Amino acid sequence: MLAVLLVVRPRLSGRRPGTFLHWAQCSDAELLADLTAPAGSQVQADRAEDLAHLSRMAKTKFGGLRASVDLTAAALVVLAAALLTTALH
């Protein structure tokens, strides 16, 4: 269960421009300026870099979540077998 909790725990560190954490602290005008940055600008490059990083993090997180679910299912099978063995003796 601890593995599941560690996987689904949000990571809220870092507030680089162009990220949801940064936008959560922006005013409407600042958000609009960031979203309408011209193509080829540093903001666009940072956004692309952040998107690639977030995509890798999501892949890692979902892989961990899958492993956590598999571990929990295996633990439940072992628990059921132990209970059945105890009940039969």
PDB file of N, CA and C in Angstrom:
ATOM      1  N   MET A   1       0.811  -1.191   0.000  1.00  0.00           N
ATOM      2  CA  MET A   1       0.000   0.000   0.000  1.00  0.00           C
ATOM      3  C   MET A   1       0.861   1.265   0.000  1.00  0.00           C
ATOM      4  N   LEU A   2       2.005   1.172   0.692  1.00  0.00           N
ATOM      5  CA  LEU A   2       2.910   2.312   0.714  1.00  0.00           C
ATOM      6  C   LEU A   2       3.393   2.642  -0.699  1.00  0.00           C
ATOM      7  N   ALA A   3       3.633   1.613  -1.510  1.00  0.00           N
ATOM      8  CA  ALA A   3       4.080   1.838  -2.887  1.00  0.00           C
ATOM      9  C   ALA A   3       3.039   2.624  -3.674  1.00  0.00           C
ATOM     10  N   VAL A   4       1.760   2.295  -3.481  1.00  0.00           N
ATOM     11  CA  VAL A   4       0.685   3.016  -4.177  1.00  0.00           C
ATOM     12  C   VAL A   4       0.665   4.473  -3.738  1.00  0.00           C
ATOM     13  N   LEU A   5       0.779   4.700  -2.440  1.00  0.00           N
ATOM     14  CA  LEU A   5       0.742   6.075  -1.929  1.00  0.00           C
ATOM     15  C   LEU A   5       1.909   6.903  -2.448  1.00  0.00           C
ATOM     16  N   LEU A   6       3.091   6.293  -2.524  1.00  0.00           N
ATOM     17  CA  LEU A   6       4.250   7.029  -3.034  1.00  0.00           C
ATOM     18  C   LEU A   6       4.108   7.362  -4.513  1.00  0.00           C
ATOM     19  N   VAL A   7       3.456   6.478  -5.261  1.00  0.00           N
ATOM     20  CA  VAL A   7       3.287   6.713  -6.693  1.00  0.00           C
ATOM     21  C   VAL A   7       2.265   7.809  -6.953  1.00  0.00           C
ATOM     22  N   VAL A   8       1.163   7.819  -6.227  1.00  0.00           N
ATOM     23  CA  VAL A   8       0.102   8.787  -6.515  1.00  0.00           C
ATOM     24  C   VAL A   8       0.304  10.120  -5.805  1.00  0.00           C
ATOM     25  N   ARG A   9       1.287  10.205  -4.916  1.00  0.00           N
ATOM     26  CA  ARG A   9       1.571  11.464  -4.226  1.00  0.00           C
ATOM     27  C   ARG A   9       2.026  12.508  -5.250  1.00  0.00           C
ATOM     28  N   PRO A  10       1.366  13.667  -5.270  1.00  0.00           N
ATOM     29  CA  PRO A  10       1.734  14.670  -6.283  1.00  0.00           C
ATOM     30  C   PRO A  10       3.093  15.306  -5.991  1.00  0.00           C
ATOM     31  N   ARG A  11       3.763  15.669  -7.069  1.00  0.00           N
ATOM     32  CA  ARG A  11       5.032  16.392  -6.946  1.00  0.00           C
ATOM     33  C   ARG A  11       4.745  17.848  -7.262  1.00  0.00           C
ATOM     34  N   LEU A  12       4.844  18.688  -6.265  1.00  0.00           N
ATOM     35  CA  LEU A  12       4.474  20.084  -6.435  1.00  0.00           C
ATOM     36  C   LEU A  12       5.672  21.021  -6.340  1.00  0.00           C
ATOM     37  N   SER A  13       6.861  20.506  -6.538  1.00  0.00           N
ATOM     38  CA  SER A  13       8.040  21.361  -6.484  1.00  0.00           C
ATOM     39  C   SER A  13       8.314  21.959  -7.862  1.00  0.00           C
ATOM     40  N   GLY A  14       8.983  23.073  -7.881  1.00  0.00           N
ATOM     41  CA  GLY A  14       9.341  23.724  -9.138  1.00  0.00           C
ATOM     42  C   GLY A  14       8.201  24.548  -9.700  1.00  0.00           C
ATOM     43  N   ARG A  15       8.513  25.756 -10.102  1.00  0.00           N
ATOM     44  CA  ARG A  15       7.486  26.641 -10.654  1.00  0.00           C
ATOM     45  C   ARG A  15       8.047  27.374 -11.869  1.00  0.00           C
ATOM     46  N   ARG A  16       8.544  26.585 -12.816  1.00  0.00           N
ATOM     47  CA  ARG A  16       9.095  27.197 -14.022  1.00  0.00           C
ATOM     48  C   ARG A  16       7.997  27.831 -14.845  1.00  0.00           C
ATOM     49  N   PRO A  17       8.280  28.954 -15.488  1.00  0.00           N
ATOM     50  CA  PRO A  17       7.285  29.561 -16.384  1.00  0.00           C
ATOM     51  C   PRO A  17       6.824  28.570 -17.448  1.00  0.00           C
ATOM     52  N   GLY A  18       5.539  28.604 -17.752  1.00  0.00           N
ATOM     53  CA  GLY A  18       4.977  27.708 -18.749  1.00  0.00           C
ATOM     54  C   GLY A  18       4.458  26.404 -18.176  1.00  0.00           C
ATOM     55  N   THR A  19       4.457  26.282 -16.844  1.00  0.00           N
ATOM     56  CA  THR A  19       3.956  25.066 -16.206  1.00  0.00           C
ATOM     57  C   THR A  19       2.668  25.375 -15.441  1.00  0.00           C
ATOM     58  N   PHE A  20       1.908  24.343 -15.147  1.00  0.00           N
ATOM     59  CA  PHE A  20       0.658  24.528 -14.413  1.00  0.00           C
ATOM     60  C   PHE A  20       0.904  25.142 -13.038  1.00  0.00           C
ATOM     61  N   LEU A  21       1.999  24.750 -12.388  1.00  0.00           N
ATOM     62  CA  LEU A  21       2.302  25.308 -11.065  1.00  0.00           C
ATOM     63  C   LEU A  21       2.586  26.805 -11.154  1.00  0.00           C
ATOM     64  N   HIS A  22       3.239  27.215 -12.205  1.00  0.00           N
ATOM     65  CA  HIS A  22       3.500  28.644 -12.416  1.00  0.00           C
ATOM     66  C   HIS A  22       2.199  29.377 -12.740  1.00  0.00           C
ATOM     67  N   TRP A  23       1.409  28.796 -13.635  1.00  0.00           N
ATOM     68  CA  TRP A  23       0.165  29.442 -14.044  1.00  0.00           C
ATOM     69  C   TRP A  23      -0.825  29.581 -12.890  1.00  0.00           C
ATOM     70  N   ALA A  24      -0.752  28.679 -11.912  1.00  0.00           N
ATOM     71  CA  ALA A  24      -1.660  28.758 -10.768  1.00  0.00           C
ATOM     72  C   ALA A  24      -1.429  30.030  -9.960  1.00  0.00           C
ATOM     73  N   GLN A  25      -0.246  30.626 -10.077  1.00  0.00           N
ATOM     74  CA  GLN A  25       0.073  31.834  -9.322  1.00  0.00           C
ATOM     75  C   GLN A  25       0.035  33.094 -10.179  1.00  0.00           C
ATOM     76  N   CYS A  26      -0.273  32.953 -11.461  1.00  0.00           N
ATOM     77  CA  CYS A  26      -0.302  34.100 -12.372  1.00  0.00           C
ATOM     78  C   CYS A  26      -1.643  34.820 -12.323  1.00  0.00           C
ATOM     79  N   SER A  27      -1.591  36.091 -12.641  1.00  0.00           N
ATOM     80  CA  SER A  27      -2.836  36.822 -12.864  1.00  0.00           C
ATOM     81  C   SER A  27      -3.362  36.444 -14.245  1.00  0.00           C
ATOM     82  N   ASP A  28      -4.579  36.839 -14.554  1.00  0.00           N
ATOM     83  CA  ASP A  28      -5.134  36.531 -15.869  1.00  0.00           C
ATOM     84  C   ASP A  28      -4.267  37.114 -16.986  1.00  0.00           C
ATOM     85  N   ALA A  29      -3.790  38.340 -16.795  1.00  0.00           N
ATOM     86  CA  ALA A  29      -2.977  39.002 -17.818  1.00  0.00           C
ATOM     87  C   ALA A  29      -1.643  38.279 -18.010  1.00  0.00           C
ATOM     88  N   GLU A  30      -1.018  37.860 -16.917  1.00  0.00           N
ATOM     89  CA  GLU A  30       0.255  37.147 -17.014  1.00  0.00           C
ATOM     90  C   GLU A  30       0.075  35.800 -17.709  1.00  0.00           C
ATOM     91  N   LEU A  31      -1.003  35.126 -17.391  1.00  0.00           N
ATOM     92  CA  LEU A  31      -1.283  33.834 -18.024  1.00  0.00           C
ATOM     93  C   LEU A  31      -1.504  34.005 -19.518  1.00  0.00           C
ATOM     94  N   LEU A  32      -2.282  34.993 -19.895  1.00  0.00           N
ATOM     95  CA  LEU A  32      -2.548  35.244 -21.306  1.00  0.00           C
ATOM     96  C   LEU A  32      -1.250  35.582 -22.045  1.00  0.00           C
ATOM     97  N   ALA A  33      -0.388  36.385 -21.442  1.00  0.00           N
ATOM     98  CA  ALA A  33       0.888  36.738 -22.072  1.00  0.00           C
ATOM     99  C   ALA A  33       1.761  35.501 -22.263  1.00  0.00           C
ATOM    100  N   ASP A  34       1.748  34.619 -21.279  1.00  0.00           N
ATOM    101  CA  ASP A  34       2.551  33.405 -21.378  1.00  0.00           C
ATOM    102  C   ASP A  34       2.018  32.466 -22.455  1.00  0.00           C
ATOM    103  N   LEU A  35       0.697  32.339 -22.526  1.00  0.00           N
ATOM    104  CA  LEU A  35       0.092  31.423 -23.494  1.00  0.00           C
ATOM    105  C   LEU A  35       0.169  31.934 -24.932  1.00  0.00           C
ATOM    106  N   THR A  36       0.270  33.229 -25.102  1.00  0.00           N
ATOM    107  CA  THR A  36       0.319  33.796 -26.456  1.00  0.00           C
ATOM    108  C   THR A  36       1.737  34.194 -26.867  1.00  0.00           C
ATOM    109  N   ALA A  37       2.737  33.645 -26.208  1.00  0.00           N
ATOM    110  CA  ALA A  37       4.125  33.941 -26.567  1.00  0.00           C
ATOM    111  C   ALA A  37       4.362  33.513 -28.012  1.00  0.00           C
ATOM    112  N   PRO A  38       5.111  34.318 -28.759  1.00  0.00           N
ATOM    113  CA  PRO A  38       5.349  33.995 -30.177  1.00  0.00           C
ATOM    114  C   PRO A  38       6.146  32.704 -30.343  1.00  0.00           C
ATOM    115  N   ALA A  39       5.867  32.015 -31.431  1.00  0.00           N
ATOM    116  CA  ALA A  39       6.591  30.772 -31.748  1.00  0.00           C
ATOM    117  C   ALA A  39       8.065  31.076 -31.878  1.00  0.00           C
ATOM    118  N   GLY A  40       8.884  30.164 -31.389  1.00  0.00           N
ATOM    119  CA  GLY A  40      10.326  30.357 -31.458  1.00  0.00           C
ATOM    120  C   GLY A  40      10.891  31.132 -30.282  1.00  0.00           C
ATOM    121  N   SER A  41      10.025  31.627 -29.397  1.00  0.00           N
ATOM    122  CA  SER A  41      10.508  32.382 -28.249  1.00  0.00           C
ATOM    123  C   SER A  41      11.035  31.431 -27.183  1.00  0.00           C
ATOM    124  N   GLN A  42      11.734  31.986 -26.211  1.00  0.00           N
ATOM    125  CA  GLN A  42      12.270  31.179 -25.112  1.00  0.00           C
ATOM    126  C   GLN A  42      11.139  30.550 -24.307  1.00  0.00           C
ATOM    127  N   VAL A  43      10.019  31.233 -24.176  1.00  0.00           N
ATOM    128  CA  VAL A  43       8.869  30.685 -23.453  1.00  0.00           C
ATOM    129  C   VAL A  43       8.377  29.418 -24.142  1.00  0.00           C
ATOM    130  N   GLN A  44       8.292  29.455 -25.461  1.00  0.00           N
ATOM    131  CA  GLN A  44       7.859  28.275 -26.212  1.00  0.00           C
ATOM    132  C   GLN A  44       8.859  27.130 -26.050  1.00  0.00           C
ATOM    133  N   ALA A  45      10.145  27.436 -26.089  1.00  0.00           N
ATOM    134  CA  ALA A  45      11.174  26.412 -25.933  1.00  0.00           C
ATOM    135  C   ALA A  45      11.102  25.798 -24.535  1.00  0.00           C
ATOM    136  N   ASP A  46      10.922  26.651 -23.520  1.00  0.00           N
ATOM    137  CA  ASP A  46      10.791  26.150 -22.144  1.00  0.00           C
ATOM    138  C   ASP A  46       9.553  25.281 -22.002  1.00  0.00           C
ATOM    139  N   ARG A  47       8.472  25.688 -22.632  1.00  0.00           N
ATOM    140  CA  ARG A  47       7.220  24.923 -22.554  1.00  0.00           C
ATOM    141  C   ARG A  47       7.393  23.542 -23.189  1.00  0.00           C
ATOM    142  N   ALA A  48       8.084  23.487 -24.325  1.00  0.00           N
ATOM    143  CA  ALA A  48       8.330  22.201 -24.990  1.00  0.00           C
ATOM    144  C   ALA A  48       9.213  21.308 -24.110  1.00  0.00           C
ATOM    145  N   GLU A  49      10.228  21.892 -23.504  1.00  0.00           N
ATOM    146  CA  GLU A  49      11.107  21.134 -22.611  1.00  0.00           C
ATOM    147  C   GLU A  49      10.332  20.600 -21.407  1.00  0.00           C
ATOM    148  N   ASP A  50       9.485  21.445 -20.823  1.00  0.00           N
ATOM    149  CA  ASP A  50       8.676  21.028 -19.676  1.00  0.00           C
ATOM    150  C   ASP A  50       7.675  19.943 -20.054  1.00  0.00           C
ATOM    151  N   LEU A  51       7.081  20.060 -21.226  1.00  0.00           N
ATOM    152  CA  LEU A  51       6.121  19.055 -21.674  1.00  0.00           C
ATOM    153  C   LEU A  51       6.799  17.689 -21.839  1.00  0.00           C
ATOM    154  N   ALA A  52       7.996  17.689 -22.404  1.00  0.00           N
ATOM    155  CA  ALA A  52       8.740  16.434 -22.556  1.00  0.00           C
ATOM    156  C   ALA A  52       9.078  15.859 -21.182  1.00  0.00           C
ATOM    157  N   HIS A  53       9.502  16.721 -20.256  1.00  0.00           N
ATOM    158  CA  HIS A  53       9.833  16.264 -18.906  1.00  0.00           C
ATOM    159  C   HIS A  53       8.595  15.720 -18.195  1.00  0.00           C
ATOM    160  N   LEU A  54       7.477  16.427 -18.286  1.00  0.00           N
ATOM    161  CA  LEU A  54       6.238  15.970 -17.655  1.00  0.00           C
ATOM    162  C   LEU A  54       5.752  14.658 -18.263  1.00  0.00           C
ATOM    163  N   SER A  55       5.952  14.488 -19.540  1.00  0.00           N
ATOM    164  CA  SER A  55       5.562  13.241 -20.198  1.00  0.00           C
ATOM    165  C   SER A  55       6.385  12.071 -19.671  1.00  0.00           C
ATOM    166  N   ARG A  56       7.687  12.289 -19.490  1.00  0.00           N
ATOM    167  CA  ARG A  56       8.536  11.235 -18.926  1.00  0.00           C
ATOM    168  C   ARG A  56       8.134  10.931 -17.483  1.00  0.00           C
ATOM    169  N   MET A  57       7.817  11.978 -16.722  1.00  0.00           N
ATOM    170  CA  MET A  57       7.369  11.771 -15.339  1.00  0.00           C
ATOM    171  C   MET A  57       6.065  10.981 -15.303  1.00  0.00           C
ATOM    172  N   ALA A  58       5.144  11.290 -16.202  1.00  0.00           N
ATOM    173  CA  ALA A  58       3.859  10.571 -16.245  1.00  0.00           C
ATOM    174  C   ALA A  58       4.086   9.103 -16.578  1.00  0.00           C
ATOM    175  N   LYS A  59       4.974   8.843 -17.521  1.00  0.00           N
ATOM    176  CA  LYS A  59       5.269   7.456 -17.888  1.00  0.00           C
ATOM    177  C   LYS A  59       5.843   6.700 -16.696  1.00  0.00           C
ATOM    178  N   THR A  60       6.771   7.323 -15.977  1.00  0.00           N
ATOM    179  CA  THR A  60       7.356   6.710 -14.788  1.00  0.00           C
ATOM    180  C   THR A  60       6.306   6.492 -13.711  1.00  0.00           C
ATOM    181  N   LYS A  61       5.456   7.507 -13.505  1.00  0.00           N
ATOM    182  CA  LYS A  61       4.418   7.413 -12.479  1.00  0.00           C
ATOM    183  C   LYS A  61       3.437   6.286 -12.801  1.00  0.00           C
ATOM    184  N   PHE A  62       2.989   6.184 -14.039  1.00  0.00           N
ATOM    185  CA  PHE A  62       2.042   5.128 -14.398  1.00  0.00           C
ATOM    186  C   PHE A  62       2.692   3.750 -14.350  1.00  0.00           C
ATOM    187  N   GLY A  63       3.984   3.670 -14.663  1.00  0.00           N
ATOM    188  CA  GLY A  63       4.691   2.403 -14.508  1.00  0.00           C
ATOM    189  C   GLY A  63       4.755   1.989 -13.048  1.00  0.00           C
ATOM    190  N   GLY A  64       5.035   2.953 -12.179  1.00  0.00           N
ATOM    191  CA  GLY A  64       5.046   2.677 -10.745  1.00  0.00           C
ATOM    192  C   GLY A  64       3.684   2.300 -10.220  1.00  0.00           C
ATOM    193  N   LEU A  65       2.659   2.967 -10.715  1.00  0.00           N
ATOM    194  CA  LEU A  65       1.291   2.656 -10.298  1.00  0.00           C
ATOM    195  C   LEU A  65       0.905   1.241 -10.725  1.00  0.00           C
ATOM    196  N   ARG A  66       1.306   0.874 -11.933  1.00  0.00           N
ATOM    197  CA  ARG A  66       1.021  -0.484 -12.408  1.00  0.00           C
ATOM    198  C   ARG A  66       1.711  -1.522 -11.526  1.00  0.00           C
ATOM    199  N   ALA A  67       2.979  -1.281 -11.208  1.00  0.00           N
ATOM    200  CA  ALA A  67       3.716  -2.202 -10.339  1.00  0.00           C
ATOM    201  C   ALA A  67       3.089  -2.256  -8.950  1.00  0.00           C
ATOM    202  N   SER A  68       2.634  -1.122  -8.445  1.00  0.00           N
ATOM    203  CA  SER A  68       1.997  -1.082  -7.128  1.00  0.00           C
ATOM    204  C   SER A  68       0.700  -1.874  -7.108  1.00  0.00           C
ATOM    205  N   VAL A  69      -0.078  -1.756  -8.156  1.00  0.00           N
ATOM    206  CA  VAL A  69      -1.331  -2.518  -8.245  1.00  0.00           C
ATOM    207  C   VAL A  69      -1.019  -4.013  -8.318  1.00  0.00           C
ATOM    208  N   ASP A  70      -0.005  -4.377  -9.101  1.00  0.00           N
ATOM    209  CA  ASP A  70       0.384  -5.785  -9.202  1.00  0.00           C
ATOM    210  C   ASP A  70       0.846  -6.327  -7.849  1.00  0.00           C
ATOM    211  N   LEU A  71       1.639  -5.535  -7.123  1.00  0.00           N
ATOM    212  CA  LEU A  71       2.095  -5.949  -5.797  1.00  0.00           C
ATOM    213  C   LEU A  71       0.932  -6.098  -4.817  1.00  0.00           C
ATOM    214  N   THR A  72      -0.012  -5.171  -4.874  1.00  0.00           N
ATOM    215  CA  THR A  72      -1.182  -5.245  -3.993  1.00  0.00           C
ATOM    216  C   THR A  72      -2.018  -6.477  -4.318  1.00  0.00           C
ATOM    217  N   ALA A  73      -2.200  -6.765  -5.602  1.00  0.00           N
ATOM    218  CA  ALA A  73      -2.963  -7.953  -6.001  1.00  0.00           C
ATOM    219  C   ALA A  73      -2.259  -9.227  -5.531  1.00  0.00           C
ATOM    220  N   ALA A  74      -0.949  -9.281  -5.671  1.00  0.00           N
ATOM    221  CA  ALA A  74      -0.194 -10.450  -5.215  1.00  0.00           C
ATOM    222  C   ALA A  74      -0.308 -10.606  -3.698  1.00  0.00           C
ATOM    223  N   ALA A  75      -0.254  -9.500  -2.976  1.00  0.00           N
ATOM    224  CA  ALA A  75      -0.391  -9.555  -1.520  1.00  0.00           C
ATOM    225  C   ALA A  75      -1.765 -10.060  -1.120  1.00  0.00           C
ATOM    226  N   LEU A  76      -2.797  -9.658  -1.850  1.00  0.00           N
ATOM    227  CA  LEU A  76      -4.152 -10.132  -1.548  1.00  0.00           C
ATOM    228  C   LEU A  76      -4.282 -11.638  -1.802  1.00  0.00           C
ATOM    229  N   VAL A  77      -3.633 -12.136  -2.849  1.00  0.00           N
ATOM    230  CA  VAL A  77      -3.655 -13.574  -3.137  1.00  0.00           C
ATOM    231  C   VAL A  77      -2.962 -14.334  -2.005  1.00  0.00           C
ATOM    232  N   VAL A  78      -1.815 -13.836  -1.560  1.00  0.00           N
ATOM    233  CA  VAL A  78      -1.093 -14.484  -0.466  1.00  0.00           C
ATOM    234  C   VAL A  78      -1.919 -14.440   0.815  1.00  0.00           C
ATOM    235  N   LEU A  79      -2.557 -13.319   1.091  1.00  0.00           N
ATOM    236  CA  LEU A  79      -3.411 -13.189   2.272  1.00  0.00           C
ATOM    237  C   LEU A  79      -4.582 -14.165   2.203  1.00  0.00           C
ATOM    238  N   ALA A  80      -5.219 -14.265   1.058  1.00  0.00           N
ATOM    239  CA  ALA A  80      -6.340 -15.199   0.897  1.00  0.00           C
ATOM    240  C   ALA A  80      -5.880 -16.635   1.098  1.00  0.00           C
ATOM    241  N   ALA A  81      -4.707 -16.979   0.560  1.00  0.00           N
ATOM    242  CA  ALA A  81      -4.176 -18.331   0.732  1.00  0.00           C
ATOM    243  C   ALA A  81      -3.879 -18.610   2.204  1.00  0.00           C
ATOM    244  N   ALA A  82      -3.340 -17.630   2.906  1.00  0.00           N
ATOM    245  CA  ALA A  82      -3.038 -17.801   4.333  1.00  0.00           C
ATOM    246  C   ALA A  82      -4.326 -17.983   5.136  1.00  0.00           C
ATOM    247  N   LEU A  83      -5.337 -17.188   4.828  1.00  0.00           N
ATOM    248  CA  LEU A  83      -6.614 -17.313   5.532  1.00  0.00           C
ATOM    249  C   LEU A  83      -7.270 -18.665   5.256  1.00  0.00           C
ATOM    250  N   LEU A  84      -7.204 -19.105   4.016  1.00  0.00           N
ATOM    251  CA  LEU A  84      -7.787 -20.399   3.642  1.00  0.00           C
ATOM    252  C   LEU A  84      -7.044 -21.531   4.332  1.00  0.00           C
ATOM    253  N   THR A  85      -5.735 -21.462   4.359  1.00  0.00           N
ATOM    254  CA  THR A  85      -4.930 -22.483   5.034  1.00  0.00           C
ATOM    255  C   THR A  85      -5.244 -22.528   6.527  1.00  0.00           C
ATOM    256  N   THR A  86      -5.370 -21.370   7.147  1.00  0.00           N
ATOM    257  CA  THR A  86      -5.687 -21.296   8.566  1.00  0.00           C
ATOM    258  C   THR A  86      -7.091 -21.839   8.842  1.00  0.00           C
ATOM    259  N   ALA A  87      -8.016 -21.544   7.987  1.00  0.00           N
ATOM    260  CA  ALA A  87      -9.402 -22.000   8.186  1.00  0.00           C
ATOM    261  C   ALA A  87      -9.525 -23.511   8.027  1.00  0.00           C
ATOM    262  N   LEU A  88      -8.688 -24.123   7.204  1.00  0.00           N
ATOM    263  CA  LEU A  88      -8.762 -25.558   6.965  1.00  0.00           C
ATOM    264  C   LEU A  88      -8.074 -26.374   8.065  1.00  0.00           C
ATOM    265  N   HIS A  89      -7.258 -25.748   8.875  1.00  0.00           N
ATOM    266  CA  HIS A  89      -6.547 -26.482   9.924  1.00  0.00           C
ATOM    267  C   HIS A  89      -7.226 -26.330  11.217  1.00  0.00           C
TER     268      HIS A  89
END
